[in-house]
C-alpha atoms as a PDB file:
ATOM      1  CA  MET A   1     -17.550   4.777  -8.625  1.00  0.00           C
ATOM      2  CA  LYS A   2     -17.370   1.040  -9.377  1.00  0.00           C
ATOM      3  CA  GLU A   3     -16.953   1.625 -13.122  1.00  0.00           C
ATOM      4  CA  GLU A   4     -14.136   4.100 -12.546  1.00  0.00           C
ATOM      5  CA  LEU A   5     -12.338   1.690 -10.227  1.00  0.00           C
ATOM      6  CA  TRP A   6     -12.657  -1.174 -12.705  1.00  0.00           C
ATOM      7  CA  SER A   7     -11.160   1.095 -15.367  1.00  0.00           C
ATOM      8  CA  LEU A   8      -8.135   1.555 -13.111  1.00  0.00           C
ATOM      9  CA  VAL A   9      -7.744  -2.220 -12.807  1.00  0.00           C
ATOM     10  CA  GLU A  10      -7.796  -2.502 -16.594  1.00  0.00           C
ATOM     11  CA  ASN A  11      -5.389   0.405 -17.049  1.00  0.00           C
ATOM     12  CA  VAL A  12      -2.779  -1.161 -14.788  1.00  0.00           C
ATOM     13  CA  LYS A  13      -2.808  -4.181 -17.089  1.00  0.00           C
ATOM     14  CA  LYS A  14      -2.728  -2.038 -20.243  1.00  0.00           C
ATOM     15  CA  LYS A  15      -0.012   0.391 -19.137  1.00  0.00           C
ATOM     16  CA  SER A  16       2.080  -2.000 -17.005  1.00  0.00           C
ATOM     17  CA  PRO A  17       3.631   0.703 -14.793  1.00  0.00           C
ATOM     18  CA  LEU A  18       7.190   0.126 -13.585  1.00  0.00           C
ATOM     19  CA  VAL A  19       6.989   0.137  -9.787  1.00  0.00           C
ATOM     20  CA  HIS A  20      10.273   0.782  -7.987  1.00  0.00           C
ATOM     21  CA  ASN A  21      10.196  -0.968  -4.612  1.00  0.00           C
ATOM     22  CA  ILE A  22      12.547  -0.278  -1.733  1.00  0.00           C
ATOM     23  CA  THR A  23      10.954  -2.906   0.421  1.00  0.00           C
ATOM     24  CA  ASN A  24      11.775  -5.506   3.020  1.00  0.00           C
ATOM     25  CA  TYR A  25      13.453  -8.742   2.058  1.00  0.00           C
ATOM     26  CA  VAL A  26      10.770 -10.852   3.791  1.00  0.00           C
ATOM     27  CA  VAL A  27       8.214  -9.950   1.105  1.00  0.00           C
ATOM     28  CA  MET A  28      10.154  -9.142  -2.067  1.00  0.00           C
ATOM     29  CA  ASN A  29       9.088 -12.294  -3.883  1.00  0.00           C
ATOM     30  CA  ASN A  30       5.470 -11.959  -2.728  1.00  0.00           C
ATOM     31  CA  THR A  31       5.135  -8.342  -3.794  1.00  0.00           C
ATOM     32  CA  ALA A  32       6.898  -8.881  -7.123  1.00  0.00           C
ATOM     33  CA  ASN A  33       4.567 -11.763  -7.975  1.00  0.00           C
ATOM     34  CA  ALA A  34       1.490  -9.773  -6.947  1.00  0.00           C
ATOM     35  CA  LEU A  35       2.529  -6.795  -9.083  1.00  0.00           C
ATOM     36  CA  LEU A  36       3.116  -9.071 -12.050  1.00  0.00           C
ATOM     37  CA  ALA A  37      -0.246 -10.789 -11.530  1.00  0.00           C
ATOM     38  CA  ALA A  38      -2.001  -7.407 -11.449  1.00  0.00           C
ATOM     39  CA  GLY A  39      -0.269  -6.381 -14.681  1.00  0.00           C
ATOM     40  CA  ALA A  40       2.451  -4.086 -13.346  1.00  0.00           C
ATOM     41  CA  SER A  41       6.226  -4.406 -13.706  1.00  0.00           C
ATOM     42  CA  PRO A  42       8.137  -4.656 -10.413  1.00  0.00           C
ATOM     43  CA  VAL A  43      11.745  -3.727  -9.764  1.00  0.00           C
ATOM     44  CA  MET A  44      13.480  -4.135  -6.417  1.00  0.00           C
ATOM     45  CA  ALA A  45      16.420  -1.727  -6.206  1.00  0.00           C
ATOM     46  CA  HIS A  46      18.025  -0.723  -2.912  1.00  0.00           C
ATOM     47  CA  ALA A  47      21.609   0.263  -3.665  1.00  0.00           C
ATOM     48  CA  GLU A  48      22.412   3.880  -2.906  1.00  0.00           C
ATOM     49  CA  ASP A  49      24.362   4.101  -6.165  1.00  0.00           C
ATOM     50  CA  GLU A  50      21.376   3.299  -8.377  1.00  0.00           C
ATOM     51  CA  VAL A  51      18.112   4.287  -6.694  1.00  0.00           C
ATOM     52  CA  GLN A  52      18.054   7.778  -8.175  1.00  0.00           C
ATOM     53  CA  ASP A  53      18.556   6.416 -11.679  1.00  0.00           C
ATOM     54  CA  MET A  54      15.867   3.809 -11.109  1.00  0.00           C
ATOM     55  CA  VAL A  55      13.400   6.462  -9.966  1.00  0.00           C
ATOM     56  CA  ARG A  56      13.989   8.306 -13.233  1.00  0.00           C
ATOM     57  CA  ILE A  57      12.619   5.415 -15.289  1.00  0.00           C
ATOM     58  CA  ALA A  58       9.945   4.230 -12.842  1.00  0.00           C
ATOM     59  CA  SER A  59       6.276   5.192 -12.832  1.00  0.00           C
ATOM     60  CA  SER A  60       6.131   5.255  -9.031  1.00  0.00           C
ATOM     61  CA  LEU A  61       8.128   4.552  -5.882  1.00  0.00           C
ATOM     62  CA  VAL A  62       7.226   2.302  -2.940  1.00  0.00           C
ATOM     63  CA  ILE A  63       9.087   2.783   0.357  1.00  0.00           C
ATOM     64  CA  ASN A  64       8.577   0.013   2.927  1.00  0.00           C
ATOM     65  CA  ILE A  65      10.470   0.075   6.250  1.00  0.00           C
ATOM     66  CA  GLY A  66       9.955  -3.582   7.188  1.00  0.00           C
ATOM     67  CA  THR A  67      13.632  -4.524   7.409  1.00  0.00           C
ATOM     68  CA  LEU A  68      15.825  -1.533   8.103  1.00  0.00           C
ATOM     69  CA  SER A  69      19.525  -0.838   7.831  1.00  0.00           C
ATOM     70  CA  GLU A  70      21.493   2.386   7.621  1.00  0.00           C
ATOM     71  CA  LYS A  71      22.281   1.981   3.925  1.00  0.00           C
ATOM     72  CA  TRP A  72      18.694   1.146   3.043  1.00  0.00           C
ATOM     73  CA  VAL A  73      17.428   4.178   4.938  1.00  0.00           C
ATOM     74  CA  ASN A  74      19.890   6.390   3.054  1.00  0.00           C
ATOM     75  CA  ALA A  75      18.709   4.842  -0.210  1.00  0.00           C
ATOM     76  CA  MET A  76      15.092   5.547   0.730  1.00  0.00           C
ATOM     77  CA  LYS A  77      15.864   9.218   1.352  1.00  0.00           C
ATOM     78  CA  LEU A  78      17.782   9.555  -1.917  1.00  0.00           C
ATOM     79  CA  ALA A  79      14.990   7.890  -3.899  1.00  0.00           C
ATOM     80  CA  LEU A  80      12.291   9.950  -2.163  1.00  0.00           C
ATOM     81  CA  LYS A  81      14.032  13.240  -2.909  1.00  0.00           C
ATOM     82  CA  GLN A  82      14.555  12.245  -6.541  1.00  0.00           C
ATOM     83  CA  ALA A  83      10.914  11.211  -6.920  1.00  0.00           C
ATOM     84  CA  ASN A  84       9.781  14.550  -5.488  1.00  0.00           C
ATOM     85  CA  ILE A  85      12.054  16.443  -7.878  1.00  0.00           C
ATOM     86  CA  LEU A  86      10.704  14.472 -10.839  1.00  0.00           C
ATOM     87  CA  LYS A  87       7.119  14.639  -9.522  1.00  0.00           C
ATOM     88  CA  LYS A  88       6.821  10.869  -9.407  1.00  0.00           C
ATOM     89  CA  PRO A  89       4.192   9.500  -6.979  1.00  0.00           C
ATOM     90  CA  VAL A  90       5.452   7.813  -3.799  1.00  0.00           C
ATOM     91  CA  VAL A  91       3.731   5.558  -1.264  1.00  0.00           C
ATOM     92  CA  LEU A  92       5.032   4.871   2.251  1.00  0.00           C
ATOM     93  CA  ASP A  93       4.434   1.697   4.258  1.00  0.00           C
ATOM     94  CA  PRO A  94       5.500   2.383   7.886  1.00  0.00           C
ATOM     95  CA  VAL A  95       5.780  -1.313   8.789  1.00  0.00           C
ATOM     96  CA  GLY A  96       5.999  -1.813  12.538  1.00  0.00           C
ATOM     97  CA  ALA A  97       5.926   1.915  13.319  1.00  0.00           C
ATOM     98  CA  GLY A  98       5.561   2.331  17.064  1.00  0.00           C
ATOM     99  CA  ALA A  99       7.303  -0.957  17.859  1.00  0.00           C
ATOM    100  CA  THR A 100      10.795   0.483  18.453  1.00  0.00           C
ATOM    101  CA  PRO A 101      12.353   3.937  18.835  1.00  0.00           C
ATOM    102  CA  TYR A 102      14.502   3.290  15.756  1.00  0.00           C
ATOM    103  CA  ARG A 103      11.499   2.710  13.517  1.00  0.00           C
ATOM    104  CA  ASN A 104       9.856   5.843  14.843  1.00  0.00           C
ATOM    105  CA  LYS A 105      13.051   7.800  14.167  1.00  0.00           C
ATOM    106  CA  VAL A 106      13.312   6.508  10.589  1.00  0.00           C
ATOM    107  CA  VAL A 107       9.678   7.287   9.800  1.00  0.00           C
ATOM    108  CA  ALA A 108      10.045  10.798  11.224  1.00  0.00           C
ATOM    109  CA  GLU A 109      13.160  11.350   9.091  1.00  0.00           C
ATOM    110  CA  LEU A 110      11.407  10.104   5.957  1.00  0.00           C
ATOM    111  CA  LEU A 111       8.401  12.343   6.527  1.00  0.00           C
ATOM    112  CA  GLU A 112      10.822  15.244   6.976  1.00  0.00           C
ATOM    113  CA  ALA A 113      12.906  14.322   3.914  1.00  0.00           C
ATOM    114  CA  GLY A 114      10.125  14.559   1.346  1.00  0.00           C
ATOM    115  CA  THR A 115       6.454  14.256   0.512  1.00  0.00           C
ATOM    116  CA  PHE A 116       4.382  11.124   0.022  1.00  0.00           C
ATOM    117  CA  SER A 117       1.402  10.826  -2.280  1.00  0.00           C
ATOM    118  CA  ALA A 118      -0.047   8.116  -0.042  1.00  0.00           C
ATOM    119  CA  ILE A 119       0.656   6.366   3.253  1.00  0.00           C
ATOM    120  CA  ARG A 120      -0.785   2.909   3.989  1.00  0.00           C
ATOM    121  CA  GLY A 121      -0.634   1.112   7.299  1.00  0.00           C
ATOM    122  CA  ASN A 122      -2.668  -0.818   9.812  1.00  0.00           C
ATOM    123  CA  ALA A 123      -4.355   1.021  12.664  1.00  0.00           C
ATOM    124  CA  SER A 124      -1.447   0.716  15.085  1.00  0.00           C
ATOM    125  CA  GLU A 125       1.048   1.961  12.504  1.00  0.00           C
ATOM    126  CA  ILE A 126      -1.076   4.923  11.441  1.00  0.00           C
ATOM    127  CA  MET A 127      -1.684   5.915  15.051  1.00  0.00           C
ATOM    128  CA  ALA A 128       2.019   5.542  15.801  1.00  0.00           C
ATOM    129  CA  LEU A 129       2.765   8.153  13.146  1.00  0.00           C
ATOM    130  CA  VAL A 130       0.655  10.556  15.175  1.00  0.00           C
ATOM    131  CA  SER A 131       1.692   9.378  18.639  1.00  0.00           C
ATOM    132  CA  THR A 132       3.986   6.722  20.055  1.00  0.00           C
ATOM    133  CA  ALA A 133       1.446   6.023  22.804  1.00  0.00           C
ATOM    134  CA  HIS A 134       0.010   3.061  20.896  1.00  0.00           C
ATOM    135  CA  GLN A 135       2.296   0.032  20.963  1.00  0.00           C
ATOM    136  CA  THR A 136       2.245  -2.298  17.962  1.00  0.00           C
ATOM    137  CA  LYS A 137       2.544  -6.059  18.081  1.00  0.00           C
ATOM    138  CA  GLY A 138       5.408  -6.537  15.654  1.00  0.00           C
ATOM    139  CA  VAL A 139       3.887  -5.739  12.281  1.00  0.00           C
ATOM    140  CA  ASP A 140       0.392  -6.792  13.392  1.00  0.00           C
ATOM    141  CA  SER A 141      -2.160  -4.233  14.472  1.00  0.00           C
ATOM    142  CA  THR A 142      -3.444  -4.295  18.031  1.00  0.00           C
ATOM    143  CA  LEU A 143      -6.274  -1.940  17.061  1.00  0.00           C
ATOM    144  CA  SER A 144      -9.219  -1.998  14.657  1.00  0.00           C
ATOM    145  CA  SER A 145      -9.005   0.132  11.531  1.00  0.00           C
ATOM    146  CA  ASP A 146     -11.972   2.317  12.503  1.00  0.00           C
ATOM    147  CA  SER A 147     -10.128   3.394  15.670  1.00  0.00           C
ATOM    148  CA  ALA A 148      -7.445   5.060  13.531  1.00  0.00           C
ATOM    149  CA  VAL A 149      -9.660   7.155  11.255  1.00  0.00           C
ATOM    150  CA  ASP A 150      -9.151  10.297  13.342  1.00  0.00           C
ATOM    151  CA  ALA A 151      -5.390   9.720  13.281  1.00  0.00           C
ATOM    152  CA  GLY A 152      -5.578   9.256   9.513  1.00  0.00           C
ATOM    153  CA  GLN A 153      -7.354  12.577   9.160  1.00  0.00           C
ATOM    154  CA  LEU A 154      -4.697  14.282  11.290  1.00  0.00           C
ATOM    155  CA  LEU A 155      -1.939  12.820   9.111  1.00  0.00           C
ATOM    156  CA  ASN A 156      -3.745  13.912   5.973  1.00  0.00           C
ATOM    157  CA  ARG A 157      -3.996  17.467   7.262  1.00  0.00           C
ATOM    158  CA  GLU A 158      -0.362  17.547   8.362  1.00  0.00           C
ATOM    159  CA  TYR A 159       1.304  15.976   5.328  1.00  0.00           C
ATOM    160  CA  GLY A 160      -1.269  16.216   2.533  1.00  0.00           C
ATOM    161  CA  SER A 161      -0.925  12.508   1.793  1.00  0.00           C
ATOM    162  CA  ILE A 162      -3.874  10.248   1.071  1.00  0.00           C
ATOM    163  CA  ILE A 163      -4.026   7.984   4.124  1.00  0.00           C
ATOM    164  CA  CYS A 164      -5.111   4.353   3.935  1.00  0.00           C
ATOM    165  CA  VAL A 165      -5.902   2.551   7.179  1.00  0.00           C
ATOM    166  CA  SER A 166      -6.174  -1.133   6.337  1.00  0.00           C
ATOM    167  CA  GLY A 167      -7.978  -3.769   8.332  1.00  0.00           C
ATOM    168  CA  ALA A 168     -11.321  -5.584   8.364  1.00  0.00           C
ATOM    169  CA  ILE A 169     -12.563  -2.374   6.758  1.00  0.00           C
ATOM    170  CA  ASP A 170     -10.134  -0.349   4.680  1.00  0.00           C
ATOM    171  CA  TYR A 171     -10.410   3.428   5.008  1.00  0.00           C
ATOM    172  CA  VAL A 172      -9.052   5.747   2.307  1.00  0.00           C
ATOM    173  CA  ILE A 173      -8.897   9.260   3.699  1.00  0.00           C
ATOM    174  CA  SER A 174      -8.546  12.614   1.959  1.00  0.00           C
ATOM    175  CA  SER A 175      -9.322  16.137   3.102  1.00  0.00           C
ATOM    176  CA  LYS A 176     -12.782  15.949   1.519  1.00  0.00           C
ATOM    177  CA  GLN A 177     -13.854  12.328   1.621  1.00  0.00           C
ATOM    178  CA  ILE A 178     -13.543   9.038   3.492  1.00  0.00           C
ATOM    179  CA  ILE A 179     -14.007   5.885   1.420  1.00  0.00           C
ATOM    180  CA  LYS A 180     -14.715   2.542   3.113  1.00  0.00           C
ATOM    181  CA  ILE A 181     -13.937  -0.770   1.394  1.00  0.00           C
ATOM    182  CA  MET A 182     -15.475  -3.824   3.040  1.00  0.00           C
ATOM    183  CA  ASN A 183     -13.840  -6.709   1.205  1.00  0.00           C
ATOM    184  CA  GLY A 184     -11.269  -9.325   2.137  1.00  0.00           C
ATOM    185  CA  HIS A 185     -11.161 -12.210   4.628  1.00  0.00           C
ATOM    186  CA  PRO A 186      -9.486 -12.832   8.016  1.00  0.00           C
ATOM    187  CA  LEU A 187      -7.394 -15.690   6.588  1.00  0.00           C
ATOM    188  CA  MET A 188      -5.468 -13.138   4.531  1.00  0.00           C
ATOM    189  CA  GLY A 189      -3.850 -12.096   7.804  1.00  0.00           C
ATOM    190  CA  LYS A 190      -2.214 -15.528   8.015  1.00  0.00           C
ATOM    191  CA  VAL A 191      -0.223 -14.963   4.820  1.00  0.00           C
ATOM    192  CA  THR A 192       3.098 -13.154   5.130  1.00  0.00           C
ATOM    193  CA  GLY A 193       3.237  -9.730   3.560  1.00  0.00           C
ATOM    194  CA  MET A 194      -0.376  -9.137   2.573  1.00  0.00           C
ATOM    195  CA  GLY A 195      -0.156  -5.567   3.876  1.00  0.00           C
ATOM    196  CA  CYS A 196       3.064  -5.042   1.958  1.00  0.00           C
ATOM    197  CA  ILE A 197       1.364  -6.390  -1.171  1.00  0.00           C
ATOM    198  CA  ALA A 198      -1.436  -3.860  -0.678  1.00  0.00           C
ATOM    199  CA  THR A 199       1.118  -1.048  -0.564  1.00  0.00           C
ATOM    200  CA  ALA A 200       2.885  -2.355  -3.665  1.00  0.00           C
ATOM    201  CA  LEU A 201      -0.443  -2.470  -5.509  1.00  0.00           C
ATOM    202  CA  ILE A 202      -1.044   1.126  -4.458  1.00  0.00           C
ATOM    203  CA  GLY A 203       2.308   1.853  -6.082  1.00  0.00           C
ATOM    204  CA  ALA A 204       1.032   0.354  -9.329  1.00  0.00           C
ATOM    205  CA  PHE A 205      -2.247   2.256  -9.280  1.00  0.00           C
ATOM    206  CA  ILE A 206      -0.741   5.654  -8.436  1.00  0.00           C
ATOM    207  CA  GLY A 207       1.640   5.020 -11.320  1.00  0.00           C
ATOM    208  CA  ILE A 208      -1.244   5.218 -13.808  1.00  0.00           C
ATOM    209  CA  GLU A 209      -3.754   7.530 -12.095  1.00  0.00           C
ATOM    210  CA  GLU A 210      -3.321  11.158 -10.995  1.00  0.00           C
ATOM    211  CA  ASN A 211      -6.294  11.106  -8.604  1.00  0.00           C
ATOM    212  CA  ILE A 212      -4.432   9.542  -5.702  1.00  0.00           C
ATOM    213  CA  GLN A 213      -7.492   8.777  -3.577  1.00  0.00           C
ATOM    214  CA  TYR A 214      -9.116   6.900  -6.459  1.00  0.00           C
ATOM    215  CA  ALA A 215      -5.856   5.111  -7.189  1.00  0.00           C
ATOM    216  CA  VAL A 216      -5.480   3.978  -3.566  1.00  0.00           C
ATOM    217  CA  THR A 217      -9.135   2.933  -3.499  1.00  0.00           C
ATOM    218  CA  GLY A 218      -8.723   0.896  -6.671  1.00  0.00           C
ATOM    219  CA  ALA A 219      -5.681  -0.887  -5.290  1.00  0.00           C
ATOM    220  CA  MET A 220      -7.354  -1.732  -1.986  1.00  0.00           C
ATOM    221  CA  ALA A 221     -10.508  -2.840  -3.789  1.00  0.00           C
ATOM    222  CA  ILE A 222      -8.710  -5.323  -6.049  1.00  0.00           C
ATOM    223  CA  MET A 223      -6.669  -6.518  -3.074  1.00  0.00           C
ATOM    224  CA  GLY A 224      -9.706  -7.287  -0.947  1.00  0.00           C
ATOM    225  CA  ILE A 225     -11.775  -8.720  -3.764  1.00  0.00           C
ATOM    226  CA  ALA A 226      -8.999 -11.028  -4.982  1.00  0.00           C
ATOM    227  CA  GLY A 227      -8.532 -12.352  -1.463  1.00  0.00           C
ATOM    228  CA  GLU A 228     -12.239 -12.803  -0.916  1.00  0.00           C
ATOM    229  CA  LEU A 229     -12.733 -14.653  -4.198  1.00  0.00           C
ATOM    230  CA  ALA A 230      -9.737 -16.872  -3.467  1.00  0.00           C
ATOM    231  CA  ILE A 231     -11.117 -18.085  -0.130  1.00  0.00           C
ATOM    232  CA  PRO A 232     -13.630 -20.666  -1.447  1.00  0.00           C
ATOM    233  CA  LEU A 233     -10.850 -22.203  -3.558  1.00  0.00           C
ATOM    234  CA  SER A 234      -8.363 -22.406  -0.672  1.00  0.00           C
ATOM    235  CA  GLU A 235      -7.793 -24.963   2.077  1.00  0.00           C
ATOM    236  CA  GLY A 236      -5.520 -22.733   4.144  1.00  0.00           C
ATOM    237  CA  PRO A 237      -2.980 -19.905   3.924  1.00  0.00           C
ATOM    238  CA  GLY A 238      -0.661 -21.848   1.599  1.00  0.00           C
ATOM    239  CA  SER A 239      -3.211 -22.393  -1.138  1.00  0.00           C
ATOM    240  CA  LEU A 240      -4.675 -18.937  -0.484  1.00  0.00           C
ATOM    241  CA  GLN A 241      -1.432 -17.365  -1.727  1.00  0.00           C
ATOM    242  CA  MET A 242      -1.717 -19.241  -4.997  1.00  0.00           C
ATOM    243  CA  HIS A 243      -5.405 -18.542  -5.584  1.00  0.00           C
ATOM    244  CA  PHE A 244      -4.990 -14.904  -4.544  1.00  0.00           C
ATOM    245  CA  LEU A 245      -2.361 -14.379  -7.248  1.00  0.00           C
ATOM    246  CA  ASP A 246      -4.553 -16.165  -9.778  1.00  0.00           C
ATOM    247  CA  LYS A 247      -7.485 -13.894  -8.969  1.00  0.00           C
ATOM    248  CA  LEU A 248      -5.341 -10.771  -9.241  1.00  0.00           C
ATOM    249  CA  HIS A 249      -4.449 -11.988 -12.708  1.00  0.00           C
ATOM    250  CA  ASN A 250      -7.751 -13.290 -14.065  1.00  0.00           C
ATOM    251  CA  ILE A 251     -10.466 -11.394 -12.206  1.00  0.00           C
ATOM    252  CA  SER A 252     -13.409 -10.515 -14.444  1.00  0.00           C
ATOM    253  CA  ARG A 253     -15.422  -7.337 -14.594  1.00  0.00           C
ATOM    254  CA  ASP A 254     -18.514  -9.146 -13.319  1.00  0.00           C
ATOM    255  CA  GLU A 255     -16.605 -10.583 -10.351  1.00  0.00           C
ATOM    256  CA  PHE A 256     -15.255  -7.154  -9.483  1.00  0.00           C
ATOM    257  CA  MET A 257     -18.608  -5.398  -9.782  1.00  0.00           C
ATOM    258  CA  THR A 258     -20.651  -7.946  -7.847  1.00  0.00           C
ATOM    259  CA  THR A 259     -18.108  -8.477  -5.048  1.00  0.00           C
ATOM    260  CA  LEU A 260     -17.007  -4.892  -4.333  1.00  0.00           C
ATOM    261  CA  ARG A 261     -18.622  -3.405  -1.232  1.00  0.00           C
ATOM    262  CA  ILE A 262     -17.811   0.263  -0.942  1.00  0.00           C
ATOM    263  CA  GLU A 263     -19.181   3.386   0.725  1.00  0.00           C
ATOM    264  CA  SER A 264     -18.080   7.004   0.822  1.00  0.00           C
ATOM    265  CA  GLU A 265     -18.864  10.057   2.883  1.00  0.00           C
ATOM    266  CA  ASN A 266     -17.890  13.680   2.540  1.00  0.00           C
ATOM    267  CA  VAL A 267     -16.072  15.335   5.431  1.00  0.00           C
END
């Protein structure tokens, strides 16, 4: 599997997929820089009057509910429907799902409005998509990723999306297989928008690979590895951002192969 995942990393750089992001304004700069570092081409387009046209030329669509407004939600629905019509892959990041009734309402409407190739969230967010019984702490998870695997499997069965539960261990869940990625570092949680970056990278990888589970796995692998390799070079979260972007850009095959820790099991 490692060779196949490295090929995806290389193909993102070769093909430079155009990733259309409807994302929150806290992380736009972070996610755009990460996509560029990984070799993709980011575009941030939120206006209702242009999202459908942007979807037409994009390789994939990223929908992130971090900062919501009525117009942005309408734009998300328009873009999602257009992507489904054109058979473009879409990834959803349900940021803060479970924190407020409004977020829960928006996520429910989005899941009703169209289909998602993949959904990525922390444990609290993924569990909130199944039940509002689990309260989130803002956009931070109050639960470990392994506690949300069952919820991820339920979501996969209900919506057909590949589900990624991110955390100390990242789980990539399909109807046939669960893949575990054990890379990264706790300090990454001190940098704004790392989860949103992971979702944006998924957008890049699903833009060049039809096997969505492999694409999501490749994105989460490069995310964790880049962060892990950046740690020895960093003195804190500020310098970690810089070295993380550098590693996304210049990671070598040997670094990827020797650092990646991955397991899979059939279900």
